[in-house]
Amino acid sequence: MRTICAVLLVFEAIVLGLAIPVAIQLGGLSPGFAGGVWGGLALAALVLAALQRMRWAFYLACVLQVAMVVSSFAVPGLPFAGLVFAALWIAGVVLGRRTDAMKAEYERARAEYEASQDV
């Protein structure tokens, strides 16, 4: 799950960086404000992508998803991107947890099989 979330955060950082000129041109926002908001979110996404090994970083990344969706409503066209990434995040978490459970079950079954072969 952590790998899927980290990859999504990197892609999200790219989209957030590309949102800055869109916010300036279409949203009429000042360059400093747009750079601060979406540049800060992009930087946070990159840092959290690198820290996905930590449990707290996953929860902060969930908060980042909410912040992205909320901030995207300030610029026309960005809410779609925000909602797409939120949906991808949810799908990544659900599928990642299923994959982690299957890996754990496989390892348990493999250890059990190897233990039975040693007898």
PDB file of N, CA and C in Angstrom:
ATOM      1  N   MET A   1       0.820  -1.190   0.000  1.00  0.00           N
ATOM      2  CA  MET A   1       0.000   0.000   0.000  1.00  0.00           C
ATOM      3  C   MET A   1       0.862   1.251   0.000  1.00  0.00           C
ATOM      4  N   ARG A   2       1.931   1.217   0.759  1.00  0.00           N
ATOM      5  CA  ARG A   2       2.774   2.409   0.883  1.00  0.00           C
ATOM      6  C   ARG A   2       3.399   2.794  -0.457  1.00  0.00           C
ATOM      7  N   THR A   3       3.753   1.795  -1.262  1.00  0.00           N
ATOM      8  CA  THR A   3       4.355   2.081  -2.561  1.00  0.00           C
ATOM      9  C   THR A   3       3.356   2.771  -3.478  1.00  0.00           C
ATOM     10  N   ILE A   4       2.138   2.259  -3.511  1.00  0.00           N
ATOM     11  CA  ILE A   4       1.096   2.860  -4.344  1.00  0.00           C
ATOM     12  C   ILE A   4       0.855   4.303  -3.915  1.00  0.00           C
ATOM     13  N   CYS A   5       0.768   4.523  -2.623  1.00  0.00           N
ATOM     14  CA  CYS A   5       0.523   5.875  -2.112  1.00  0.00           C
ATOM     15  C   CYS A   5       1.678   6.810  -2.433  1.00  0.00           C
ATOM     16  N   ALA A   6       2.905   6.325  -2.337  1.00  0.00           N
ATOM     17  CA  ALA A   6       4.067   7.161  -2.638  1.00  0.00           C
ATOM     18  C   ALA A   6       4.078   7.559  -4.109  1.00  0.00           C
ATOM     19  N   VAL A   7       3.774   6.628  -4.989  1.00  0.00           N
ATOM     20  CA  VAL A   7       3.741   6.934  -6.426  1.00  0.00           C
ATOM     21  C   VAL A   7       2.646   7.951  -6.723  1.00  0.00           C
ATOM     22  N   LEU A   8       1.486   7.770  -6.130  1.00  0.00           N
ATOM     23  CA  LEU A   8       0.395   8.734  -6.326  1.00  0.00           C
ATOM     24  C   LEU A   8       0.794  10.127  -5.840  1.00  0.00           C
ATOM     25  N   LEU A   9       1.492  10.201  -4.730  1.00  0.00           N
ATOM     26  CA  LEU A   9       1.912  11.503  -4.211  1.00  0.00           C
ATOM     27  C   LEU A   9       2.904  12.188  -5.141  1.00  0.00           C
ATOM     28  N   VAL A  10       3.780  11.428  -5.772  1.00  0.00           N
ATOM     29  CA  VAL A  10       4.725  12.030  -6.721  1.00  0.00           C
ATOM     30  C   VAL A  10       3.970  12.585  -7.926  1.00  0.00           C
ATOM     31  N   PHE A  11       3.045  11.821  -8.469  1.00  0.00           N
ATOM     32  CA  PHE A  11       2.250  12.319  -9.590  1.00  0.00           C
ATOM     33  C   PHE A  11       1.411  13.526  -9.177  1.00  0.00           C
ATOM     34  N   GLU A  12       0.904  13.485  -7.995  1.00  0.00           N
ATOM     35  CA  GLU A  12       0.119  14.607  -7.483  1.00  0.00           C
ATOM     36  C   GLU A  12       0.987  15.860  -7.356  1.00  0.00           C
ATOM     37  N   ALA A  13       2.225  15.705  -6.934  1.00  0.00           N
ATOM     38  CA  ALA A  13       3.136  16.845  -6.832  1.00  0.00           C
ATOM     39  C   ALA A  13       3.366  17.477  -8.199  1.00  0.00           C
ATOM     40  N   ILE A  14       3.490  16.641  -9.223  1.00  0.00           N
ATOM     41  CA  ILE A  14       3.668  17.162 -10.583  1.00  0.00           C
ATOM     42  C   ILE A  14       2.448  17.967 -11.002  1.00  0.00           C
ATOM     43  N   VAL A  15       1.274  17.426 -10.770  1.00  0.00           N
ATOM     44  CA  VAL A  15       0.036  18.121 -11.144  1.00  0.00           C
ATOM     45  C   VAL A  15      -0.119  19.417 -10.343  1.00  0.00           C
ATOM     46  N   LEU A  16       0.229  19.376  -9.074  1.00  0.00           N
ATOM     47  CA  LEU A  16       0.142  20.586  -8.254  1.00  0.00           C
ATOM     48  C   LEU A  16       1.105  21.654  -8.756  1.00  0.00           C
ATOM     49  N   GLY A  17       2.295  21.254  -9.165  1.00  0.00           N
ATOM     50  CA  GLY A  17       3.234  22.217  -9.731  1.00  0.00           C
ATOM     51  C   GLY A  17       2.709  22.824 -11.026  1.00  0.00           C
ATOM     52  N   LEU A  18       2.087  22.002 -11.839  1.00  0.00           N
ATOM     53  CA  LEU A  18       1.510  22.504 -13.090  1.00  0.00           C
ATOM     54  C   LEU A  18       0.257  23.345 -12.852  1.00  0.00           C
ATOM     55  N   ALA A  19      -0.330  23.232 -11.688  1.00  0.00           N
ATOM     56  CA  ALA A  19      -1.527  24.015 -11.369  1.00  0.00           C
ATOM     57  C   ALA A  19      -1.199  25.478 -11.079  1.00  0.00           C
ATOM     58  N   ILE A  20       0.054  25.757 -10.762  1.00  0.00           N
ATOM     59  CA  ILE A  20       0.426  27.138 -10.409  1.00  0.00           C
ATOM     60  C   ILE A  20       0.177  28.106 -11.567  1.00  0.00           C
ATOM     61  N   PRO A  21       0.708  27.847 -12.778  1.00  0.00           N
ATOM     62  CA  PRO A  21       0.415  28.794 -13.866  1.00  0.00           C
ATOM     63  C   PRO A  21      -1.063  28.838 -14.244  1.00  0.00           C
ATOM     64  N   VAL A  22      -1.747  27.704 -14.083  1.00  0.00           N
ATOM     65  CA  VAL A  22      -3.185  27.680 -14.361  1.00  0.00           C
ATOM     66  C   VAL A  22      -3.920  28.586 -13.382  1.00  0.00           C
ATOM     67  N   ALA A  23      -3.538  28.527 -12.114  1.00  0.00           N
ATOM     68  CA  ALA A  23      -4.171  29.368 -11.097  1.00  0.00           C
ATOM     69  C   ALA A  23      -3.912  30.845 -11.371  1.00  0.00           C
ATOM     70  N   ILE A  24      -2.732  31.145 -11.875  1.00  0.00           N
ATOM     71  CA  ILE A  24      -2.396  32.542 -12.168  1.00  0.00           C
ATOM     72  C   ILE A  24      -3.178  33.030 -13.381  1.00  0.00           C
ATOM     73  N   GLN A  25      -3.192  32.246 -14.464  1.00  0.00           N
ATOM     74  CA  GLN A  25      -3.831  32.674 -15.707  1.00  0.00           C
ATOM     75  C   GLN A  25      -5.355  32.571 -15.656  1.00  0.00           C
ATOM     76  N   LEU A  26      -5.870  31.431 -15.263  1.00  0.00           N
ATOM     77  CA  LEU A  26      -7.320  31.230 -15.285  1.00  0.00           C
ATOM     78  C   LEU A  26      -8.009  31.710 -14.014  1.00  0.00           C
ATOM     79  N   GLY A  27      -7.329  31.541 -12.902  1.00  0.00           N
ATOM     80  CA  GLY A  27      -7.945  31.905 -11.634  1.00  0.00           C
ATOM     81  C   GLY A  27      -7.734  33.361 -11.266  1.00  0.00           C
ATOM     82  N   GLY A  28      -6.812  34.020 -11.945  1.00  0.00           N
ATOM     83  CA  GLY A  28      -6.535  35.419 -11.639  1.00  0.00           C
ATOM     84  C   GLY A  28      -5.871  35.626 -10.289  1.00  0.00           C
ATOM     85  N   LEU A  29      -5.214  34.606  -9.785  1.00  0.00           N
ATOM     86  CA  LEU A  29      -4.559  34.709  -8.491  1.00  0.00           C
ATOM     87  C   LEU A  29      -3.158  35.283  -8.653  1.00  0.00           C
ATOM     88  N   SER A  30      -2.657  35.893  -7.607  1.00  0.00           N
ATOM     89  CA  SER A  30      -1.302  36.453  -7.674  1.00  0.00           C
ATOM     90  C   SER A  30      -0.288  35.311  -7.726  1.00  0.00           C
ATOM     91  N   PRO A  31       0.846  35.544  -8.400  1.00  0.00           N
ATOM     92  CA  PRO A  31       1.860  34.487  -8.485  1.00  0.00           C
ATOM     93  C   PRO A  31       2.366  34.028  -7.115  1.00  0.00           C
ATOM     94  N   GLY A  32       2.514  34.952  -6.196  1.00  0.00           N
ATOM     95  CA  GLY A  32       2.986  34.580  -4.861  1.00  0.00           C
ATOM     96  C   GLY A  32       2.006  33.688  -4.128  1.00  0.00           C
ATOM     97  N   PHE A  33       0.735  34.033  -4.225  1.00  0.00           N
ATOM     98  CA  PHE A  33      -0.291  33.229  -3.551  1.00  0.00           C
ATOM     99  C   PHE A  33      -0.397  31.848  -4.187  1.00  0.00           C
ATOM    100  N   ALA A  34      -0.470  31.806  -5.521  1.00  0.00           N
ATOM    101  CA  ALA A  34      -0.588  30.519  -6.217  1.00  0.00           C
ATOM    102  C   ALA A  34       0.634  29.648  -5.963  1.00  0.00           C
ATOM    103  N   GLY A  35       1.807  30.249  -6.017  1.00  0.00           N
ATOM    104  CA  GLY A  35       3.029  29.494  -5.766  1.00  0.00           C
ATOM    105  C   GLY A  35       3.102  29.010  -4.332  1.00  0.00           C
ATOM    106  N   GLY A  36       2.644  29.841  -3.418  1.00  0.00           N
ATOM    107  CA  GLY A  36       2.664  29.445  -2.014  1.00  0.00           C
ATOM    108  C   GLY A  36       1.723  28.298  -1.719  1.00  0.00           C
ATOM    109  N   VAL A  37       0.501  28.395  -2.235  1.00  0.00           N
ATOM    110  CA  VAL A  37      -0.497  27.356  -1.948  1.00  0.00           C
ATOM    111  C   VAL A  37      -0.148  26.057  -2.658  1.00  0.00           C
ATOM    112  N   TRP A  38      -0.096  26.094  -3.992  1.00  0.00           N
ATOM    113  CA  TRP A  38       0.097  24.851  -4.736  1.00  0.00           C
ATOM    114  C   TRP A  38       1.552  24.395  -4.734  1.00  0.00           C
ATOM    115  N   GLY A  39       2.479  25.326  -4.645  1.00  0.00           N
ATOM    116  CA  GLY A  39       3.880  24.934  -4.500  1.00  0.00           C
ATOM    117  C   GLY A  39       4.116  24.273  -3.148  1.00  0.00           C
ATOM    118  N   GLY A  40       3.489  24.821  -2.113  1.00  0.00           N
ATOM    119  CA  GLY A  40       3.600  24.228  -0.780  1.00  0.00           C
ATOM    120  C   GLY A  40       2.973  22.848  -0.725  1.00  0.00           C
ATOM    121  N   LEU A  41       1.820  22.694  -1.365  1.00  0.00           N
ATOM    122  CA  LEU A  41       1.179  21.377  -1.406  1.00  0.00           C
ATOM    123  C   LEU A  41       2.036  20.377  -2.193  1.00  0.00           C
ATOM    124  N   ALA A  42       2.641  20.841  -3.288  1.00  0.00           N
ATOM    125  CA  ALA A  42       3.499  19.953  -4.086  1.00  0.00           C
ATOM    126  C   ALA A  42       4.719  19.521  -3.280  1.00  0.00           C
ATOM    127  N   LEU A  43       5.321  20.461  -2.581  1.00  0.00           N
ATOM    128  CA  LEU A  43       6.479  20.129  -1.749  1.00  0.00           C
ATOM    129  C   LEU A  43       6.089  19.152  -0.641  1.00  0.00           C
ATOM    130  N   ALA A  44       4.946  19.395  -0.024  1.00  0.00           N
ATOM    131  CA  ALA A  44       4.466  18.486   1.023  1.00  0.00           C
ATOM    132  C   ALA A  44       4.210  17.093   0.455  1.00  0.00           C
ATOM    133  N   ALA A  45       3.661  17.030  -0.760  1.00  0.00           N
ATOM    134  CA  ALA A  45       3.408  15.725  -1.385  1.00  0.00           C
ATOM    135  C   ALA A  45       4.712  14.971  -1.625  1.00  0.00           C
ATOM    136  N   LEU A  46       5.745  15.676  -2.077  1.00  0.00           N
ATOM    137  CA  LEU A  46       7.040  15.014  -2.319  1.00  0.00           C
ATOM    138  C   LEU A  46       7.665  14.520  -1.017  1.00  0.00           C
ATOM    139  N   VAL A  47       7.598  15.355   0.018  1.00  0.00           N
ATOM    140  CA  VAL A  47       8.172  14.953   1.307  1.00  0.00           C
ATOM    141  C   VAL A  47       7.418  13.748   1.869  1.00  0.00           C
ATOM    142  N   LEU A  48       6.099  13.794   1.791  1.00  0.00           N
ATOM    143  CA  LEU A  48       5.306  12.684   2.312  1.00  0.00           C
ATOM    144  C   LEU A  48       5.479  11.421   1.472  1.00  0.00           C
ATOM    145  N   ALA A  49       5.728  11.573   0.184  1.00  0.00           N
ATOM    146  CA  ALA A  49       5.999  10.398  -0.657  1.00  0.00           C
ATOM    147  C   ALA A  49       7.267   9.702  -0.186  1.00  0.00           C
ATOM    148  N   ALA A  50       8.267  10.489   0.176  1.00  0.00           N
ATOM    149  CA  ALA A  50       9.529   9.906   0.645  1.00  0.00           C
ATOM    150  C   ALA A  50       9.390   9.276   2.033  1.00  0.00           C
ATOM    151  N   LEU A  51       8.410   9.722   2.792  1.00  0.00           N
ATOM    152  CA  LEU A  51       8.255   9.251   4.170  1.00  0.00           C
ATOM    153  C   LEU A  51       7.123   8.239   4.348  1.00  0.00           C
ATOM    154  N   GLN A  52       6.648   7.650   3.282  1.00  0.00           N
ATOM    155  CA  GLN A  52       5.512   6.736   3.388  1.00  0.00           C
ATOM    156  C   GLN A  52       5.793   5.497   4.228  1.00  0.00           C
ATOM    157  N   ARG A  53       7.055   5.251   4.566  1.00  0.00           N
ATOM    158  CA  ARG A  53       7.364   4.125   5.463  1.00  0.00           C
ATOM    159  C   ARG A  53       6.783   4.364   6.858  1.00  0.00           C
ATOM    160  N   MET A  54       6.636   5.640   7.204  1.00  0.00           N
ATOM    161  CA  MET A  54       6.140   6.005   8.529  1.00  0.00           C
ATOM    162  C   MET A  54       4.609   6.035   8.522  1.00  0.00           C
ATOM    163  N   ARG A  55       4.021   5.509   9.554  1.00  0.00           N
ATOM    164  CA  ARG A  55       2.562   5.477   9.649  1.00  0.00           C
ATOM    165  C   ARG A  55       1.964   6.875   9.674  1.00  0.00           C
ATOM    166  N   TRP A  56       2.582   7.799  10.402  1.00  0.00           N
ATOM    167  CA  TRP A  56       2.055   9.154  10.522  1.00  0.00           C
ATOM    168  C   TRP A  56       2.088   9.881   9.174  1.00  0.00           C
ATOM    169  N   ALA A  57       3.049   9.548   8.315  1.00  0.00           N
ATOM    170  CA  ALA A  57       3.129  10.197   6.998  1.00  0.00           C
ATOM    171  C   ALA A  57       1.943   9.798   6.132  1.00  0.00           C
ATOM    172  N   PHE A  58       1.484   8.571   6.289  1.00  0.00           N
ATOM    173  CA  PHE A  58       0.296   8.142   5.549  1.00  0.00           C
ATOM    174  C   PHE A  58      -0.913   8.972   5.951  1.00  0.00           C
ATOM    175  N   TYR A  59      -1.079   9.183   7.257  1.00  0.00           N
ATOM    176  CA  TYR A  59      -2.232   9.954   7.728  1.00  0.00           C
ATOM    177  C   TYR A  59      -2.122  11.429   7.308  1.00  0.00           C
ATOM    178  N   LEU A  60      -0.920  11.978   7.329  1.00  0.00           N
ATOM    179  CA  LEU A  60      -0.743  13.348   6.839  1.00  0.00           C
ATOM    180  C   LEU A  60      -1.030  13.433   5.345  1.00  0.00           C
ATOM    181  N   ALA A  61      -0.690  12.393   4.605  1.00  0.00           N
ATOM    182  CA  ALA A  61      -0.990  12.376   3.177  1.00  0.00           C
ATOM    183  C   ALA A  61      -2.503  12.345   2.937  1.00  0.00           C
ATOM    184  N   CYS A  62      -3.238  11.691   3.824  1.00  0.00           N
ATOM    185  CA  CYS A  62      -4.705  11.718   3.722  1.00  0.00           C
ATOM    186  C   CYS A  62      -5.226  13.140   3.924  1.00  0.00           C
ATOM    187  N   VAL A  63      -4.645  13.848   4.874  1.00  0.00           N
ATOM    188  CA  VAL A  63      -5.019  15.247   5.097  1.00  0.00           C
ATOM    189  C   VAL A  63      -4.645  16.083   3.877  1.00  0.00           C
ATOM    190  N   LEU A  64      -3.512  15.782   3.259  1.00  0.00           N
ATOM    191  CA  LEU A  64      -3.081  16.487   2.055  1.00  0.00           C
ATOM    192  C   LEU A  64      -4.088  16.299   0.927  1.00  0.00           C
ATOM    193  N   GLN A  65      -4.669  15.119   0.826  1.00  0.00           N
ATOM    194  CA  GLN A  65      -5.681  14.878  -0.204  1.00  0.00           C
ATOM    195  C   GLN A  65      -6.867  15.812  -0.020  1.00  0.00           C
ATOM    196  N   VAL A  66      -7.288  15.967   1.217  1.00  0.00           N
ATOM    197  CA  VAL A  66      -8.409  16.870   1.512  1.00  0.00           C
ATOM    198  C   VAL A  66      -8.024  18.302   1.182  1.00  0.00           C
ATOM    199  N   ALA A  67      -6.807  18.704   1.553  1.00  0.00           N
ATOM    200  CA  ALA A  67      -6.344  20.071   1.263  1.00  0.00           C
ATOM    201  C   ALA A  67      -6.285  20.321  -0.230  1.00  0.00           C
ATOM    202  N   MET A  68      -5.876  19.325  -0.997  1.00  0.00           N
ATOM    203  CA  MET A  68      -5.819  19.506  -2.449  1.00  0.00           C
ATOM    204  C   MET A  68      -7.213  19.704  -3.027  1.00  0.00           C
ATOM    205  N   VAL A  69      -8.151  18.886  -2.592  1.00  0.00           N
ATOM    206  CA  VAL A  69      -9.514  19.004  -3.113  1.00  0.00           C
ATOM    207  C   VAL A  69     -10.108  20.359  -2.735  1.00  0.00           C
ATOM    208  N   VAL A  70      -9.928  20.781  -1.500  1.00  0.00           N
ATOM    209  CA  VAL A  70     -10.480  22.061  -1.049  1.00  0.00           C
ATOM    210  C   VAL A  70      -9.841  23.220  -1.803  1.00  0.00           C
ATOM    211  N   SER A  71      -8.518  23.202  -1.939  1.00  0.00           N
ATOM    212  CA  SER A  71      -7.842  24.313  -2.610  1.00  0.00           C
ATOM    213  C   SER A  71      -8.110  24.331  -4.110  1.00  0.00           C
ATOM    214  N   SER A  72      -8.456  23.202  -4.681  1.00  0.00           N
ATOM    215  CA  SER A  72      -8.676  23.151  -6.124  1.00  0.00           C
ATOM    216  C   SER A  72      -9.918  23.929  -6.554  1.00  0.00           C
ATOM    217  N   PHE A  73     -10.839  24.170  -5.641  1.00  0.00           N
ATOM    218  CA  PHE A  73     -12.058  24.890  -6.002  1.00  0.00           C
ATOM    219  C   PHE A  73     -11.811  26.385  -6.219  1.00  0.00           C
ATOM    220  N   ALA A  74     -10.602  26.856  -5.958  1.00  0.00           N
ATOM    221  CA  ALA A  74     -10.265  28.262  -6.183  1.00  0.00           C
ATOM    222  C   ALA A  74      -9.973  28.553  -7.650  1.00  0.00           C
ATOM    223  N   VAL A  75      -9.777  27.517  -8.441  1.00  0.00           N
ATOM    224  CA  VAL A  75      -9.392  27.702  -9.847  1.00  0.00           C
ATOM    225  C   VAL A  75     -10.279  26.832 -10.738  1.00  0.00           C
ATOM    226  N   PRO A  76     -10.819  27.416 -11.806  1.00  0.00           N
ATOM    227  CA  PRO A  76     -11.639  26.609 -12.721  1.00  0.00           C
ATOM    228  C   PRO A  76     -10.833  25.458 -13.324  1.00  0.00           C
ATOM    229  N   GLY A  77     -11.421  24.301 -13.372  1.00  0.00           N
ATOM    230  CA  GLY A  77     -10.771  23.135 -13.959  1.00  0.00           C
ATOM    231  C   GLY A  77     -10.001  22.279 -12.972  1.00  0.00           C
ATOM    232  N   LEU A  78      -9.548  22.840 -11.884  1.00  0.00           N
ATOM    233  CA  LEU A  78      -8.764  22.062 -10.926  1.00  0.00           C
ATOM    234  C   LEU A  78      -9.590  21.132 -10.039  1.00  0.00           C
ATOM    235  N   PRO A  79     -10.852  21.431  -9.768  1.00  0.00           N
ATOM    236  CA  PRO A  79     -11.606  20.471  -8.949  1.00  0.00           C
ATOM    237  C   PRO A  79     -11.653  19.076  -9.562  1.00  0.00           C
ATOM    238  N   PHE A  80     -11.692  19.000 -10.877  1.00  0.00           N
ATOM    239  CA  PHE A  80     -11.691  17.691 -11.534  1.00  0.00           C
ATOM    240  C   PHE A  80     -10.418  16.924 -11.177  1.00  0.00           C
ATOM    241  N   ALA A  81      -9.279  17.586 -11.280  1.00  0.00           N
ATOM    242  CA  ALA A  81      -8.001  16.940 -10.951  1.00  0.00           C
ATOM    243  C   ALA A  81      -7.964  16.536  -9.476  1.00  0.00           C
ATOM    244  N   GLY A  82      -8.461  17.412  -8.617  1.00  0.00           N
ATOM    245  CA  GLY A  82      -8.480  17.102  -7.190  1.00  0.00           C
ATOM    246  C   GLY A  82      -9.327  15.892  -6.874  1.00  0.00           C
ATOM    247  N   LEU A  83     -10.488  15.816  -7.495  1.00  0.00           N
ATOM    248  CA  LEU A  83     -11.380  14.679  -7.252  1.00  0.00           C
ATOM    249  C   LEU A  83     -10.826  13.386  -7.858  1.00  0.00           C
ATOM    250  N   VAL A  84     -10.164  13.501  -9.003  1.00  0.00           N
ATOM    251  CA  VAL A  84      -9.553  12.306  -9.613  1.00  0.00           C
ATOM    252  C   VAL A  84      -8.461  11.752  -8.696  1.00  0.00           C
ATOM    253  N   PHE A  85      -7.603  12.646  -8.170  1.00  0.00           N
ATOM    254  CA  PHE A  85      -6.547  12.161  -7.278  1.00  0.00           C
ATOM    255  C   PHE A  85      -7.114  11.627  -5.969  1.00  0.00           C
ATOM    256  N   ALA A  86      -8.184  12.215  -5.478  1.00  0.00           N
ATOM    257  CA  ALA A  86      -8.807  11.687  -4.262  1.00  0.00           C
ATOM    258  C   ALA A  86      -9.352  10.276  -4.518  1.00  0.00           C
ATOM    259  N   ALA A  87      -9.973  10.092  -5.680  1.00  0.00           N
ATOM    260  CA  ALA A  87     -10.494   8.759  -6.023  1.00  0.00           C
ATOM    261  C   ALA A  87      -9.351   7.761  -6.194  1.00  0.00           C
ATOM    262  N   LEU A  88      -8.267   8.191  -6.842  1.00  0.00           N
ATOM    263  CA  LEU A  88      -7.107   7.309  -6.997  1.00  0.00           C
ATOM    264  C   LEU A  88      -6.491   6.961  -5.649  1.00  0.00           C
ATOM    265  N   TRP A  89      -6.473   7.932  -4.736  1.00  0.00           N
ATOM    266  CA  TRP A  89      -5.922   7.698  -3.399  1.00  0.00           C
ATOM    267  C   TRP A  89      -6.739   6.630  -2.677  1.00  0.00           C
ATOM    268  N   ILE A  90      -8.057   6.771  -2.723  1.00  0.00           N
ATOM    269  CA  ILE A  90      -8.930   5.800  -2.058  1.00  0.00           C
ATOM    270  C   ILE A  90      -8.749   4.417  -2.687  1.00  0.00           C
ATOM    271  N   ALA A  91      -8.724   4.358  -4.016  1.00  0.00           N
ATOM    272  CA  ALA A  91      -8.527   3.079  -4.697  1.00  0.00           C
ATOM    273  C   ALA A  91      -7.163   2.488  -4.344  1.00  0.00           C
ATOM    274  N   GLY A  92      -6.134   3.323  -4.289  1.00  0.00           N
ATOM    275  CA  GLY A  92      -4.802   2.847  -3.944  1.00  0.00           C
ATOM    276  C   GLY A  92      -4.739   2.283  -2.542  1.00  0.00           C
ATOM    277  N   VAL A  93      -5.410   2.941  -1.613  1.00  0.00           N
ATOM    278  CA  VAL A  93      -5.421   2.458  -0.225  1.00  0.00           C
ATOM    279  C   VAL A  93      -6.166   1.121  -0.135  1.00  0.00           C
ATOM    280  N   VAL A  94      -7.326   1.041  -0.767  1.00  0.00           N
ATOM    281  CA  VAL A  94      -8.123  -0.181  -0.703  1.00  0.00           C
ATOM    282  C   VAL A  94      -7.381  -1.346  -1.363  1.00  0.00           C
ATOM    283  N   LEU A  95      -6.901  -1.123  -2.584  1.00  0.00           N
ATOM    284  CA  LEU A  95      -6.200  -2.197  -3.298  1.00  0.00           C
ATOM    285  C   LEU A  95      -4.867  -2.530  -2.642  1.00  0.00           C
ATOM    286  N   GLY A  96      -4.194  -1.513  -2.116  1.00  0.00           N
ATOM    287  CA  GLY A  96      -2.929  -1.754  -1.427  1.00  0.00           C
ATOM    288  C   GLY A  96      -3.105  -2.599  -0.186  1.00  0.00           C
ATOM    289  N   ARG A  97      -4.156  -2.343   0.560  1.00  0.00           N
ATOM    290  CA  ARG A  97      -4.416  -3.155   1.759  1.00  0.00           C
ATOM    291  C   ARG A  97      -4.753  -4.594   1.392  1.00  0.00           C
ATOM    292  N   ARG A  98      -5.510  -4.757   0.313  1.00  0.00           N
ATOM    293  CA  ARG A  98      -5.818  -6.124  -0.139  1.00  0.00           C
ATOM    294  C   ARG A  98      -4.535  -6.851  -0.543  1.00  0.00           C
ATOM    295  N   THR A  99      -3.675  -6.152  -1.262  1.00  0.00           N
ATOM    296  CA  THR A  99      -2.407  -6.748  -1.692  1.00  0.00           C
ATOM    297  C   THR A  99      -1.542  -7.104  -0.495  1.00  0.00           C
ATOM    298  N   ASP A 100      -1.471  -6.206   0.474  1.00  0.00           N
ATOM    299  CA  ASP A 100      -0.693  -6.487   1.684  1.00  0.00           C
ATOM    300  C   ASP A 100      -1.232  -7.710   2.423  1.00  0.00           C
ATOM    301  N   ALA A 101      -2.561  -7.843   2.484  1.00  0.00           N
ATOM    302  CA  ALA A 101      -3.170  -9.001   3.148  1.00  0.00           C
ATOM    303  C   ALA A 101      -2.853 -10.290   2.401  1.00  0.00           C
ATOM    304  N   MET A 102      -2.889 -10.220   1.062  1.00  0.00           N
ATOM    305  CA  MET A 102      -2.562 -11.415   0.273  1.00  0.00           C
ATOM    306  C   MET A 102      -1.097 -11.807   0.438  1.00  0.00           C
ATOM    307  N   LYS A 103      -0.219 -10.820   0.500  1.00  0.00           N
ATOM    308  CA  LYS A 103       1.206 -11.114   0.708  1.00  0.00           C
ATOM    309  C   LYS A 103       1.429 -11.761   2.073  1.00  0.00           C
ATOM    310  N   ALA A 104       0.770 -11.236   3.087  1.00  0.00           N
ATOM    311  CA  ALA A 104       0.919 -11.800   4.434  1.00  0.00           C
ATOM    312  C   ALA A 104       0.391 -13.226   4.473  1.00  0.00           C
ATOM    313  N   GLU A 105      -0.730 -13.487   3.825  1.00  0.00           N
ATOM    314  CA  GLU A 105      -1.297 -14.831   3.784  1.00  0.00           C
ATOM    315  C   GLU A 105      -0.366 -15.785   3.037  1.00  0.00           C
ATOM    316  N   TYR A 106       0.210 -15.310   1.950  1.00  0.00           N
ATOM    317  CA  TYR A 106       1.158 -16.131   1.188  1.00  0.00           C
ATOM    318  C   TYR A 106       2.376 -16.488   2.039  1.00  0.00           C
ATOM    319  N   GLU A 107       2.921 -15.506   2.725  1.00  0.00           N
ATOM    320  CA  GLU A 107       4.097 -15.754   3.567  1.00  0.00           C
ATOM    321  C   GLU A 107       3.772 -16.730   4.698  1.00  0.00           C
ATOM    322  N   ARG A 108       2.585 -16.592   5.279  1.00  0.00           N
ATOM    323  CA  ARG A 108       2.170 -17.511   6.339  1.00  0.00           C
ATOM    324  C   ARG A 108       2.052 -18.935   5.802  1.00  0.00           C
ATOM    325  N   ALA A 109       1.403 -19.073   4.638  1.00  0.00           N
ATOM    326  CA  ALA A 109       1.228 -20.393   4.040  1.00  0.00           C
ATOM    327  C   ALA A 109       2.578 -20.985   3.625  1.00  0.00           C
ATOM    328  N   ARG A 110       3.442 -20.163   3.120  1.00  0.00           N
ATOM    329  CA  ARG A 110       4.776 -20.631   2.705  1.00  0.00           C
ATOM    330  C   ARG A 110       5.579 -21.111   3.913  1.00  0.00           C
ATOM    331  N   ALA A 111       5.547 -20.342   5.002  1.00  0.00           N
ATOM    332  CA  ALA A 111       6.269 -20.745   6.217  1.00  0.00           C
ATOM    333  C   ALA A 111       5.695 -22.035   6.776  1.00  0.00           C
ATOM    334  N   GLU A 112       4.375 -22.160   6.727  1.00  0.00           N
ATOM    335  CA  GLU A 112       3.721 -23.378   7.209  1.00  0.00           C
ATOM    336  C   GLU A 112       4.129 -24.579   6.351  1.00  0.00           C
ATOM    337  N   TYR A 113       4.177 -24.402   5.056  1.00  0.00           N
ATOM    338  CA  TYR A 113       4.572 -25.479   4.143  1.00  0.00           C
ATOM    339  C   TYR A 113       6.025 -25.882   4.386  1.00  0.00           C
ATOM    340  N   GLU A 114       6.905 -24.883   4.502  1.00  0.00           N
ATOM    341  CA  GLU A 114       8.318 -25.180   4.727  1.00  0.00           C
ATOM    342  C   GLU A 114       8.537 -25.879   6.066  1.00  0.00           C
ATOM    343  N   ALA A 115       7.747 -25.504   7.062  1.00  0.00           N
ATOM    344  CA  ALA A 115       7.864 -26.152   8.360  1.00  0.00           C
ATOM    345  C   ALA A 115       7.416 -27.611   8.277  1.00  0.00           C
ATOM    346  N   SER A 116       6.397 -27.871   7.462  1.00  0.00           N
ATOM    347  CA  SER A 116       5.922 -29.254   7.327  1.00  0.00           C
ATOM    348  C   SER A 116       6.893 -30.106   6.521  1.00  0.00           C
ATOM    349  N   GLN A 117       7.701 -29.502   5.668  1.00  0.00           N
ATOM    350  CA  GLN A 117       8.675 -30.240   4.865  1.00  0.00           C
ATOM    351  C   GLN A 117       9.915 -30.628   5.665  1.00  0.00           C
ATOM    352  N   ASP A 118      10.171 -29.896   6.751  1.00  0.00           N
ATOM    353  CA  ASP A 118      11.348 -30.152   7.574  1.00  0.00           C
ATOM    354  C   ASP A 118      11.184 -31.391   8.448  1.00  0.00           C
ATOM    355  N   VAL A 119       9.987 -31.873   8.581  1.00  0.00           N
ATOM    356  CA  VAL A 119       9.718 -33.011   9.464  1.00  0.00           C
ATOM    357  C   VAL A 119      10.212 -34.280   8.921  1.00  0.00           C
TER     358      VAL A 119
END
